[in-house]
Protein backbone atom coordinates (compact mmCIF):
# COMPACT_ATOMS: atom_id res chain seq x y z
CA UNK A 1 0.00 0.00 0.00
CA UNK A 2 2.73 2.46 0.90
CA UNK A 3 4.63 1.83 -2.32
CA UNK A 4 1.49 2.42 -4.38
CA UNK A 5 0.75 5.66 -2.53
CA UNK A 6 4.17 7.25 -3.08
CA UNK A 7 3.96 7.52 -6.89
CA UNK A 8 0.44 8.97 -6.58
CA UNK A 9 1.61 11.55 -4.00
CA UNK A 10 4.55 12.53 -6.19
CA UNK A 11 2.27 12.96 -9.20
CA UNK A 12 -0.16 15.12 -7.20
CA UNK A 13 2.69 17.27 -5.88
CA UNK A 14 4.07 17.72 -9.39
CA UNK A 15 0.64 18.81 -10.61
CA UNK A 16 0.40 21.41 -7.84
CA UNK A 17 3.85 22.76 -8.63
CA UNK A 18 2.95 23.05 -12.30
CA UNK A 19 -0.24 24.90 -11.43
CA UNK A 20 1.50 27.33 -9.04
CA UNK A 21 2.81 29.71 -11.72
CA UNK A 22 -0.66 30.03 -13.21
CA UNK A 23 -2.04 30.94 -9.77
CA UNK A 24 0.73 33.46 -9.24
CA UNK A 25 -0.10 35.13 -12.54
CA UNK A 26 -3.67 35.87 -11.46
CA UNK A 27 -4.01 39.65 -11.38
CA UNK A 28 -6.47 41.37 -9.06
CA UNK A 29 -8.26 44.19 -10.90
CA UNK A 30 -7.15 47.64 -9.78
CA UNK A 31 -9.83 49.35 -7.65
CA UNK A 32 -11.73 52.02 -9.53
CA UNK A 33 -10.77 55.52 -8.47
CA UNK A 34 -12.46 58.86 -9.14
CA UNK A 35 -11.34 60.48 -12.38
CA UNK A 36 -8.72 63.16 -11.85
CA UNK A 37 -7.28 65.76 -14.21
CA UNK A 38 -4.02 64.91 -16.00
CA UNK A 39 -0.74 66.26 -14.67
CA UNK A 40 -0.07 68.27 -17.83
CA UNK A 41 -2.86 70.37 -19.29
CA UNK A 42 -3.18 72.49 -22.43
CA UNK A 43 -3.70 76.21 -22.10
CA UNK A 44 -7.29 77.21 -21.49
CA UNK A 45 -9.04 78.85 -24.41
CA UNK A 46 -9.55 82.59 -24.43
CA UNK A 47 -13.02 84.01 -24.79
CA UNK A 48 -16.32 83.25 -23.12
CA UNK A 49 -15.86 80.37 -20.68
CA UNK A 50 -19.42 79.05 -20.97
CA UNK A 51 -19.41 79.10 -24.76
CA UNK A 52 -16.03 77.38 -24.88
CA UNK A 53 -17.25 74.62 -22.56
CA UNK A 54 -20.45 74.17 -24.57
CA UNK A 55 -18.45 73.70 -27.78
CA UNK A 56 -16.03 71.28 -26.13
CA UNK A 57 -18.81 69.15 -24.66
CA UNK A 58 -20.46 68.91 -28.07
CA UNK A 59 -17.13 67.82 -29.54
CA UNK A 60 -16.70 65.28 -26.74
CA UNK A 61 -19.99 63.57 -27.61
CA UNK A 62 -18.99 63.02 -31.23
CA UNK A 63 -15.26 62.30 -30.78
CA UNK A 64 -14.41 59.59 -33.35
CA UNK A 65 -11.81 57.78 -31.23
CA UNK A 66 -10.28 57.62 -27.75
CA UNK A 67 -7.34 59.90 -28.57
CA UNK A 68 -9.63 62.63 -29.88
CA UNK A 69 -11.86 62.30 -26.84
CA UNK A 70 -8.88 62.54 -24.48
CA UNK A 71 -7.68 65.69 -26.24
CA UNK A 72 -11.08 67.35 -25.81
CA UNK A 73 -11.36 66.09 -22.23
CA UNK A 74 -8.02 67.69 -21.33
CA UNK A 75 -9.15 71.02 -22.77
CA UNK A 76 -12.26 70.84 -20.58
CA UNK A 77 -10.11 70.12 -17.51
CA UNK A 78 -7.94 73.13 -18.40
CA UNK A 79 -11.00 75.39 -18.21
CA UNK A 80 -12.32 73.80 -15.04
CA UNK A 81 -8.99 74.14 -13.25
CA UNK A 82 -8.56 77.80 -14.07
CA UNK A 83 -9.71 80.42 -11.59
CA UNK A 84 -9.66 84.22 -11.95
CA UNK A 85 -8.29 84.32 -8.40
CA UNK A 86 -4.49 84.07 -8.19
CA UNK A 87 -4.83 83.18 -4.50
CA UNK A 88 -7.16 80.29 -5.28
CA UNK A 89 -4.80 79.02 -7.97
CA UNK A 90 -1.86 79.21 -5.57
CA UNK A 91 -3.76 77.30 -2.90
CA UNK A 92 -4.80 74.64 -5.42
CA UNK A 93 -1.14 74.09 -6.21
CA UNK A 94 -0.49 73.54 -2.51
CA UNK A 95 -3.42 71.14 -2.36
CA UNK A 96 -1.75 68.98 -5.00
CA UNK A 97 1.49 68.99 -3.01
CA UNK A 98 -0.37 68.00 0.15
CA UNK A 99 -2.24 65.17 -1.59
CA UNK A 100 0.95 63.89 -3.22
CA UNK A 101 2.50 63.88 0.26
CA UNK A 102 -0.50 61.97 1.70
CA UNK A 103 -1.34 64.88 4.02
CA UNK A 104 -5.07 64.73 3.39
CA UNK A 105 -6.07 66.79 6.42
CA UNK A 106 -3.92 69.68 5.19
CA UNK A 107 -5.38 69.29 1.70
CA UNK A 108 -8.89 69.64 3.12
CA UNK A 109 -7.95 72.77 5.11
CA UNK A 110 -6.49 74.33 1.97
CA UNK A 111 -9.57 73.42 -0.06
CA UNK A 112 -11.80 74.89 2.66
CA UNK A 113 -9.90 78.16 2.18
CA UNK A 114 -10.25 78.02 -1.61
CA UNK A 115 -14.01 77.45 -1.36
CA UNK A 116 -14.33 80.33 1.12
CA UNK A 117 -12.55 82.60 -1.37
CA UNK A 118 -14.24 81.30 -4.52
CA UNK A 119 -17.41 79.30 -3.78
CA UNK A 120 -18.07 79.28 -7.53
CA UNK A 121 -14.81 77.41 -8.21
CA UNK A 122 -16.29 74.03 -9.18
CA UNK A 123 -13.00 72.16 -9.23
CA UNK A 124 -12.26 73.05 -5.60
CA UNK A 125 -15.48 71.29 -4.57
CA UNK A 126 -14.67 68.33 -6.81
CA UNK A 127 -11.14 68.03 -5.48
CA UNK A 128 -12.36 68.12 -1.88
CA UNK A 129 -14.90 65.40 -2.72
CA UNK A 130 -12.04 63.24 -4.02
CA UNK A 131 -10.00 63.82 -0.86
CA UNK A 132 -12.98 62.95 1.33
CA UNK A 133 -13.49 59.80 -0.74
CA UNK A 134 -9.85 58.84 -0.19
CA UNK A 135 -10.45 59.23 3.55
CA UNK A 136 -13.56 57.04 3.21
CA UNK A 137 -15.72 59.93 4.43
CA UNK A 138 -18.46 59.17 1.93
CA UNK A 139 -21.05 61.49 3.49
CA UNK A 140 -18.94 64.62 3.00
CA UNK A 141 -17.76 63.39 -0.41
CA UNK A 142 -21.37 63.04 -1.57
CA UNK A 143 -22.23 66.49 -0.21
CA UNK A 144 -19.39 68.05 -2.21
CA UNK A 145 -20.35 66.13 -5.35
CA UNK A 146 -23.85 67.58 -4.96
CA UNK A 147 -22.29 71.08 -4.95
CA UNK A 148 -20.26 70.26 -8.07
CA UNK A 149 -23.24 68.99 -10.04
CA UNK A 150 -25.41 71.90 -8.95
CA UNK A 151 -22.86 74.20 -10.62
CA UNK A 152 -21.81 71.95 -13.52
CA UNK A 153 -24.22 69.06 -14.26
CA UNK A 154 -21.89 67.83 -17.03
CA UNK A 155 -18.96 67.20 -14.70
CA UNK A 156 -18.10 63.64 -15.77
CA UNK A 157 -15.51 63.35 -12.99
CA UNK A 158 -18.08 64.07 -10.30
CA UNK A 159 -20.68 61.83 -11.95
CA UNK A 160 -18.30 58.90 -12.13
CA UNK A 161 -17.21 59.58 -8.54
CA UNK A 162 -20.86 59.53 -7.49
CA UNK A 163 -21.28 56.15 -9.15
CA UNK A 164 -18.17 54.74 -7.47
CA UNK A 165 -19.31 55.83 -4.01
CA UNK A 166 -22.86 54.53 -4.49
CA UNK A 167 -21.48 51.21 -5.70
CA UNK A 168 -19.27 50.95 -2.60
CA UNK A 169 -22.34 51.66 -0.48
CA UNK A 170 -24.17 48.80 -2.18
CA UNK A 171 -26.61 50.99 -4.13
CA UNK A 172 -26.02 49.43 -7.54
CA UNK A 173 -29.19 50.83 -9.08
CA UNK A 174 -28.33 54.49 -8.46
CA UNK A 175 -24.65 53.84 -9.17
CA UNK A 176 -25.67 52.61 -12.62
CA UNK A 177 -27.76 55.74 -13.14
CA UNK A 178 -24.77 57.95 -12.25
CA UNK A 179 -22.44 56.04 -14.60
CA UNK A 180 -24.97 56.32 -17.41
CA UNK A 181 -25.23 60.08 -16.86
CA UNK A 182 -21.45 60.30 -17.04
CA UNK A 183 -21.39 58.36 -20.33
CA UNK A 184 -24.14 60.55 -21.78
CA UNK A 185 -21.73 63.47 -21.36
CA UNK A 186 -18.49 61.63 -22.14
CA UNK A 187 -19.15 58.40 -24.11
CA UNK A 188 -15.47 57.40 -24.10
CA UNK A 189 -14.73 57.53 -20.39
CA UNK A 190 -12.16 54.93 -19.39
CA UNK A 191 -13.51 51.79 -17.62
CA UNK A 192 -17.02 53.24 -17.13
CA UNK A 193 -18.62 51.44 -20.13
CA UNK A 194 -17.49 48.09 -18.69
CA UNK A 195 -18.96 49.00 -15.30
CA UNK A 196 -22.25 49.97 -16.91
CA UNK A 197 -22.42 46.61 -18.69
CA UNK A 198 -21.61 44.64 -15.53
CA UNK A 199 -24.07 46.55 -13.38
CA UNK A 200 -26.76 46.33 -16.07
CA UNK A 201 -26.36 42.55 -16.24
CA UNK A 202 -26.41 42.32 -12.46
CA UNK A 203 -29.50 44.47 -11.99
CA UNK A 204 -31.40 42.92 -14.90
CA UNK A 205 -30.55 39.51 -13.47
CA UNK A 206 -32.22 40.42 -10.18
CA UNK A 207 -35.47 41.29 -11.93
CA UNK A 208 -35.80 37.95 -13.68
C-alpha atoms as a PDB file:
ATOM      1  CA  UNK A   1       0.000   0.000   0.000  1.00  0.00           C
ATOM      2  CA  UNK A   2       2.730   2.464   0.903  1.00  0.00           C
ATOM      3  CA  UNK A   3       4.632   1.832  -2.321  1.00  0.00           C
ATOM      4  CA  UNK A   4       1.491   2.421  -4.381  1.00  0.00           C
ATOM      5  CA  UNK A   5       0.754   5.659  -2.528  1.00  0.00           C
ATOM      6  CA  UNK A   6       4.170   7.253  -3.077  1.00  0.00           C
ATOM      7  CA  UNK A   7       3.963   7.516  -6.892  1.00  0.00           C
ATOM      8  CA  UNK A   8       0.436   8.971  -6.577  1.00  0.00           C
ATOM      9  CA  UNK A   9       1.607  11.554  -4.004  1.00  0.00           C
ATOM     10  CA  UNK A  10       4.553  12.528  -6.193  1.00  0.00           C
ATOM     11  CA  UNK A  11       2.265  12.962  -9.197  1.00  0.00           C
ATOM     12  CA  UNK A  12      -0.158  15.123  -7.203  1.00  0.00           C
ATOM     13  CA  UNK A  13       2.689  17.266  -5.879  1.00  0.00           C
ATOM     14  CA  UNK A  14       4.069  17.718  -9.392  1.00  0.00           C
ATOM     15  CA  UNK A  15       0.638  18.807 -10.613  1.00  0.00           C
ATOM     16  CA  UNK A  16       0.398  21.412  -7.841  1.00  0.00           C
ATOM     17  CA  UNK A  17       3.850  22.761  -8.632  1.00  0.00           C
ATOM     18  CA  UNK A  18       2.954  23.051 -12.303  1.00  0.00           C
ATOM     19  CA  UNK A  19      -0.242  24.896 -11.425  1.00  0.00           C
ATOM     20  CA  UNK A  20       1.502  27.330  -9.042  1.00  0.00           C
ATOM     21  CA  UNK A  21       2.811  29.714 -11.724  1.00  0.00           C
ATOM     22  CA  UNK A  22      -0.662  30.031 -13.206  1.00  0.00           C
ATOM     23  CA  UNK A  23      -2.042  30.943  -9.775  1.00  0.00           C
ATOM     24  CA  UNK A  24       0.733  33.464  -9.240  1.00  0.00           C
ATOM     25  CA  UNK A  25      -0.100  35.126 -12.539  1.00  0.00           C
ATOM     26  CA  UNK A  26      -3.671  35.870 -11.463  1.00  0.00           C
ATOM     27  CA  UNK A  27      -4.011  39.651 -11.378  1.00  0.00           C
ATOM     28  CA  UNK A  28      -6.466  41.367  -9.063  1.00  0.00           C
ATOM     29  CA  UNK A  29      -8.264  44.185 -10.904  1.00  0.00           C
ATOM     30  CA  UNK A  30      -7.153  47.638  -9.779  1.00  0.00           C
ATOM     31  CA  UNK A  31      -9.828  49.349  -7.652  1.00  0.00           C
ATOM     32  CA  UNK A  32     -11.732  52.020  -9.534  1.00  0.00           C
ATOM     33  CA  UNK A  33     -10.769  55.525  -8.469  1.00  0.00           C
ATOM     34  CA  UNK A  34     -12.456  58.864  -9.140  1.00  0.00           C
ATOM     35  CA  UNK A  35     -11.338  60.480 -12.384  1.00  0.00           C
ATOM     36  CA  UNK A  36      -8.716  63.157 -11.848  1.00  0.00           C
ATOM     37  CA  UNK A  37      -7.278  65.763 -14.214  1.00  0.00           C
ATOM     38  CA  UNK A  38      -4.023  64.911 -15.997  1.00  0.00           C
ATOM     39  CA  UNK A  39      -0.737  66.257 -14.674  1.00  0.00           C
ATOM     40  CA  UNK A  40      -0.071  68.270 -17.835  1.00  0.00           C
ATOM     41  CA  UNK A  41      -2.863  70.374 -19.288  1.00  0.00           C
ATOM     42  CA  UNK A  42      -3.175  72.488 -22.434  1.00  0.00           C
ATOM     43  CA  UNK A  43      -3.704  76.210 -22.103  1.00  0.00           C
ATOM     44  CA  UNK A  44      -7.294  77.210 -21.493  1.00  0.00           C
ATOM     45  CA  UNK A  45      -9.042  78.848 -24.406  1.00  0.00           C
ATOM     46  CA  UNK A  46      -9.545  82.586 -24.434  1.00  0.00           C
ATOM     47  CA  UNK A  47     -13.020  84.007 -24.795  1.00  0.00           C
ATOM     48  CA  UNK A  48     -16.317  83.247 -23.118  1.00  0.00           C
ATOM     49  CA  UNK A  49     -15.858  80.367 -20.680  1.00  0.00           C
ATOM     50  CA  UNK A  50     -19.424  79.052 -20.966  1.00  0.00           C
ATOM     51  CA  UNK A  51     -19.413  79.100 -24.764  1.00  0.00           C
ATOM     52  CA  UNK A  52     -16.027  77.382 -24.876  1.00  0.00           C
ATOM     53  CA  UNK A  53     -17.246  74.618 -22.560  1.00  0.00           C
ATOM     54  CA  UNK A  54     -20.448  74.166 -24.571  1.00  0.00           C
ATOM     55  CA  UNK A  55     -18.448  73.696 -27.777  1.00  0.00           C
ATOM     56  CA  UNK A  56     -16.031  71.279 -26.134  1.00  0.00           C
ATOM     57  CA  UNK A  57     -18.811  69.146 -24.661  1.00  0.00           C
ATOM     58  CA  UNK A  58     -20.462  68.914 -28.074  1.00  0.00           C
ATOM     59  CA  UNK A  59     -17.130  67.821 -29.539  1.00  0.00           C
ATOM     60  CA  UNK A  60     -16.704  65.283 -26.738  1.00  0.00           C
ATOM     61  CA  UNK A  61     -19.993  63.570 -27.606  1.00  0.00           C
ATOM     62  CA  UNK A  62     -18.989  63.023 -31.235  1.00  0.00           C
ATOM     63  CA  UNK A  63     -15.265  62.304 -30.778  1.00  0.00           C
ATOM     64  CA  UNK A  64     -14.411  59.585 -33.349  1.00  0.00           C
ATOM     65  CA  UNK A  65     -11.807  57.783 -31.233  1.00  0.00           C
ATOM     66  CA  UNK A  66     -10.279  57.621 -27.747  1.00  0.00           C
ATOM     67  CA  UNK A  67      -7.339  59.904 -28.573  1.00  0.00           C
ATOM     68  CA  UNK A  68      -9.626  62.630 -29.885  1.00  0.00           C
ATOM     69  CA  UNK A  69     -11.863  62.303 -26.841  1.00  0.00           C
ATOM     70  CA  UNK A  70      -8.882  62.536 -24.483  1.00  0.00           C
ATOM     71  CA  UNK A  71      -7.683  65.687 -26.236  1.00  0.00           C
ATOM     72  CA  UNK A  72     -11.077  67.345 -25.811  1.00  0.00           C
ATOM     73  CA  UNK A  73     -11.356  66.091 -22.228  1.00  0.00           C
ATOM     74  CA  UNK A  74      -8.018  67.690 -21.329  1.00  0.00           C
ATOM     75  CA  UNK A  75      -9.150  71.018 -22.766  1.00  0.00           C
ATOM     76  CA  UNK A  76     -12.257  70.837 -20.580  1.00  0.00           C
ATOM     77  CA  UNK A  77     -10.111  70.118 -17.507  1.00  0.00           C
ATOM     78  CA  UNK A  78      -7.941  73.131 -18.400  1.00  0.00           C
ATOM     79  CA  UNK A  79     -10.998  75.394 -18.213  1.00  0.00           C
ATOM     80  CA  UNK A  80     -12.324  73.803 -15.036  1.00  0.00           C
ATOM     81  CA  UNK A  81      -8.986  74.140 -13.248  1.00  0.00           C
ATOM     82  CA  UNK A  82      -8.562  77.805 -14.074  1.00  0.00           C
ATOM     83  CA  UNK A  83      -9.707  80.418 -11.588  1.00  0.00           C
ATOM     84  CA  UNK A  84      -9.662  84.218 -11.948  1.00  0.00           C
ATOM     85  CA  UNK A  85      -8.285  84.317  -8.397  1.00  0.00           C
ATOM     86  CA  UNK A  86      -4.495  84.069  -8.186  1.00  0.00           C
ATOM     87  CA  UNK A  87      -4.827  83.176  -4.503  1.00  0.00           C
ATOM     88  CA  UNK A  88      -7.165  80.292  -5.280  1.00  0.00           C
ATOM     89  CA  UNK A  89      -4.796  79.023  -7.973  1.00  0.00           C
ATOM     90  CA  UNK A  90      -1.861  79.212  -5.571  1.00  0.00           C
ATOM     91  CA  UNK A  91      -3.756  77.296  -2.904  1.00  0.00           C
ATOM     92  CA  UNK A  92      -4.805  74.639  -5.418  1.00  0.00           C
ATOM     93  CA  UNK A  93      -1.136  74.094  -6.210  1.00  0.00           C
ATOM     94  CA  UNK A  94      -0.490  73.545  -2.512  1.00  0.00           C
ATOM     95  CA  UNK A  95      -3.422  71.139  -2.365  1.00  0.00           C
ATOM     96  CA  UNK A  96      -1.745  68.980  -4.997  1.00  0.00           C
ATOM     97  CA  UNK A  97       1.494  68.988  -3.007  1.00  0.00           C
ATOM     98  CA  UNK A  98      -0.373  68.002   0.151  1.00  0.00           C
ATOM     99  CA  UNK A  99      -2.242  65.170  -1.594  1.00  0.00           C
ATOM    100  CA  UNK A 100       0.949  63.887  -3.217  1.00  0.00           C
ATOM    101  CA  UNK A 101       2.505  63.878   0.256  1.00  0.00           C
ATOM    102  CA  UNK A 102      -0.500  61.970   1.696  1.00  0.00           C
ATOM    103  CA  UNK A 103      -1.336  64.881   4.019  1.00  0.00           C
ATOM    104  CA  UNK A 104      -5.065  64.727   3.389  1.00  0.00           C
ATOM    105  CA  UNK A 105      -6.065  66.792   6.422  1.00  0.00           C
ATOM    106  CA  UNK A 106      -3.917  69.685   5.190  1.00  0.00           C
ATOM    107  CA  UNK A 107      -5.376  69.290   1.702  1.00  0.00           C
ATOM    108  CA  UNK A 108      -8.889  69.636   3.124  1.00  0.00           C
ATOM    109  CA  UNK A 109      -7.950  72.766   5.110  1.00  0.00           C
ATOM    110  CA  UNK A 110      -6.488  74.332   1.970  1.00  0.00           C
ATOM    111  CA  UNK A 111      -9.571  73.422  -0.059  1.00  0.00           C
ATOM    112  CA  UNK A 112     -11.799  74.894   2.659  1.00  0.00           C
ATOM    113  CA  UNK A 113      -9.902  78.159   2.180  1.00  0.00           C
ATOM    114  CA  UNK A 114     -10.253  78.019  -1.610  1.00  0.00           C
ATOM    115  CA  UNK A 115     -14.005  77.450  -1.361  1.00  0.00           C
ATOM    116  CA  UNK A 116     -14.329  80.330   1.116  1.00  0.00           C
ATOM    117  CA  UNK A 117     -12.551  82.600  -1.366  1.00  0.00           C
ATOM    118  CA  UNK A 118     -14.237  81.302  -4.518  1.00  0.00           C
ATOM    119  CA  UNK A 119     -17.405  79.301  -3.781  1.00  0.00           C
ATOM    120  CA  UNK A 120     -18.073  79.283  -7.535  1.00  0.00           C
ATOM    121  CA  UNK A 121     -14.808  77.408  -8.211  1.00  0.00           C
ATOM    122  CA  UNK A 122     -16.291  74.035  -9.182  1.00  0.00           C
ATOM    123  CA  UNK A 123     -13.003  72.160  -9.228  1.00  0.00           C
ATOM    124  CA  UNK A 124     -12.257  73.047  -5.596  1.00  0.00           C
ATOM    125  CA  UNK A 125     -15.484  71.291  -4.574  1.00  0.00           C
ATOM    126  CA  UNK A 126     -14.671  68.329  -6.810  1.00  0.00           C
ATOM    127  CA  UNK A 127     -11.137  68.032  -5.478  1.00  0.00           C
ATOM    128  CA  UNK A 128     -12.357  68.116  -1.879  1.00  0.00           C
ATOM    129  CA  UNK A 129     -14.897  65.399  -2.720  1.00  0.00           C
ATOM    130  CA  UNK A 130     -12.042  63.243  -4.020  1.00  0.00           C
ATOM    131  CA  UNK A 131      -9.997  63.820  -0.858  1.00  0.00           C
ATOM    132  CA  UNK A 132     -12.977  62.950   1.333  1.00  0.00           C
ATOM    133  CA  UNK A 133     -13.491  59.800  -0.741  1.00  0.00           C
ATOM    134  CA  UNK A 134      -9.852  58.842  -0.192  1.00  0.00           C
ATOM    135  CA  UNK A 135     -10.448  59.231   3.552  1.00  0.00           C
ATOM    136  CA  UNK A 136     -13.559  57.035   3.209  1.00  0.00           C
ATOM    137  CA  UNK A 137     -15.716  59.928   4.425  1.00  0.00           C
ATOM    138  CA  UNK A 138     -18.459  59.166   1.931  1.00  0.00           C
ATOM    139  CA  UNK A 139     -21.045  61.490   3.488  1.00  0.00           C
ATOM    140  CA  UNK A 140     -18.936  64.620   2.995  1.00  0.00           C
ATOM    141  CA  UNK A 141     -17.761  63.392  -0.411  1.00  0.00           C
ATOM    142  CA  UNK A 142     -21.369  63.038  -1.575  1.00  0.00           C
ATOM    143  CA  UNK A 143     -22.230  66.486  -0.207  1.00  0.00           C
ATOM    144  CA  UNK A 144     -19.393  68.053  -2.214  1.00  0.00           C
ATOM    145  CA  UNK A 145     -20.351  66.126  -5.353  1.00  0.00           C
ATOM    146  CA  UNK A 146     -23.849  67.585  -4.963  1.00  0.00           C
ATOM    147  CA  UNK A 147     -22.287  71.075  -4.946  1.00  0.00           C
ATOM    148  CA  UNK A 148     -20.261  70.263  -8.065  1.00  0.00           C
ATOM    149  CA  UNK A 149     -23.236  68.988 -10.044  1.00  0.00           C
ATOM    150  CA  UNK A 150     -25.405  71.899  -8.949  1.00  0.00           C
ATOM    151  CA  UNK A 151     -22.858  74.201 -10.618  1.00  0.00           C
ATOM    152  CA  UNK A 152     -21.808  71.947 -13.520  1.00  0.00           C
ATOM    153  CA  UNK A 153     -24.221  69.062 -14.262  1.00  0.00           C
ATOM    154  CA  UNK A 154     -21.894  67.831 -17.031  1.00  0.00           C
ATOM    155  CA  UNK A 155     -18.956  67.196 -14.701  1.00  0.00           C
ATOM    156  CA  UNK A 156     -18.105  63.643 -15.766  1.00  0.00           C
ATOM    157  CA  UNK A 157     -15.510  63.353 -12.991  1.00  0.00           C
ATOM    158  CA  UNK A 158     -18.081  64.071 -10.300  1.00  0.00           C
ATOM    159  CA  UNK A 159     -20.685  61.828 -11.953  1.00  0.00           C
ATOM    160  CA  UNK A 160     -18.295  58.898 -12.130  1.00  0.00           C
ATOM    161  CA  UNK A 161     -17.208  59.575  -8.537  1.00  0.00           C
ATOM    162  CA  UNK A 162     -20.857  59.533  -7.489  1.00  0.00           C
ATOM    163  CA  UNK A 163     -21.279  56.145  -9.149  1.00  0.00           C
ATOM    164  CA  UNK A 164     -18.169  54.744  -7.474  1.00  0.00           C
ATOM    165  CA  UNK A 165     -19.308  55.829  -4.006  1.00  0.00           C
ATOM    166  CA  UNK A 166     -22.856  54.527  -4.494  1.00  0.00           C
ATOM    167  CA  UNK A 167     -21.480  51.210  -5.695  1.00  0.00           C
ATOM    168  CA  UNK A 168     -19.271  50.950  -2.600  1.00  0.00           C
ATOM    169  CA  UNK A 169     -22.343  51.664  -0.478  1.00  0.00           C
ATOM    170  CA  UNK A 170     -24.169  48.800  -2.181  1.00  0.00           C
ATOM    171  CA  UNK A 171     -26.611  50.985  -4.128  1.00  0.00           C
ATOM    172  CA  UNK A 172     -26.016  49.431  -7.541  1.00  0.00           C
ATOM    173  CA  UNK A 173     -29.189  50.830  -9.085  1.00  0.00           C
ATOM    174  CA  UNK A 174     -28.326  54.488  -8.460  1.00  0.00           C
ATOM    175  CA  UNK A 175     -24.653  53.840  -9.173  1.00  0.00           C
ATOM    176  CA  UNK A 176     -25.669  52.612 -12.620  1.00  0.00           C
ATOM    177  CA  UNK A 177     -27.761  55.744 -13.136  1.00  0.00           C
ATOM    178  CA  UNK A 178     -24.774  57.947 -12.253  1.00  0.00           C
ATOM    179  CA  UNK A 179     -22.438  56.045 -14.596  1.00  0.00           C
ATOM    180  CA  UNK A 180     -24.970  56.323 -17.411  1.00  0.00           C
ATOM    181  CA  UNK A 181     -25.231  60.076 -16.856  1.00  0.00           C
ATOM    182  CA  UNK A 182     -21.452  60.300 -17.044  1.00  0.00           C
ATOM    183  CA  UNK A 183     -21.394  58.362 -20.326  1.00  0.00           C
ATOM    184  CA  UNK A 184     -24.137  60.549 -21.783  1.00  0.00           C
ATOM    185  CA  UNK A 185     -21.733  63.471 -21.363  1.00  0.00           C
ATOM    186  CA  UNK A 186     -18.487  61.634 -22.139  1.00  0.00           C
ATOM    187  CA  UNK A 187     -19.152  58.401 -24.110  1.00  0.00           C
ATOM    188  CA  UNK A 188     -15.468  57.401 -24.101  1.00  0.00           C
ATOM    189  CA  UNK A 189     -14.735  57.532 -20.395  1.00  0.00           C
ATOM    190  CA  UNK A 190     -12.159  54.928 -19.392  1.00  0.00           C
ATOM    191  CA  UNK A 191     -13.510  51.786 -17.621  1.00  0.00           C
ATOM    192  CA  UNK A 192     -17.016  53.240 -17.132  1.00  0.00           C
ATOM    193  CA  UNK A 193     -18.620  51.442 -20.131  1.00  0.00           C
ATOM    194  CA  UNK A 194     -17.485  48.093 -18.694  1.00  0.00           C
ATOM    195  CA  UNK A 195     -18.961  48.997 -15.304  1.00  0.00           C
ATOM    196  CA  UNK A 196     -22.250  49.973 -16.908  1.00  0.00           C
ATOM    197  CA  UNK A 197     -22.420  46.613 -18.689  1.00  0.00           C
ATOM    198  CA  UNK A 198     -21.612  44.636 -15.526  1.00  0.00           C
ATOM    199  CA  UNK A 199     -24.073  46.553 -13.380  1.00  0.00           C
ATOM    200  CA  UNK A 200     -26.765  46.329 -16.072  1.00  0.00           C
ATOM    201  CA  UNK A 201     -26.361  42.554 -16.243  1.00  0.00           C
ATOM    202  CA  UNK A 202     -26.408  42.317 -12.458  1.00  0.00           C
ATOM    203  CA  UNK A 203     -29.503  44.472 -11.990  1.00  0.00           C
ATOM    204  CA  UNK A 204     -31.404  42.922 -14.904  1.00  0.00           C
ATOM    205  CA  UNK A 205     -30.551  39.510 -13.467  1.00  0.00           C
ATOM    206  CA  UNK A 206     -32.216  40.421 -10.178  1.00  0.00           C
ATOM    207  CA  UNK A 207     -35.474  41.285 -11.926  1.00  0.00           C
ATOM    208  CA  UNK A 208     -35.805  37.946 -13.681  1.00  0.00           C
END
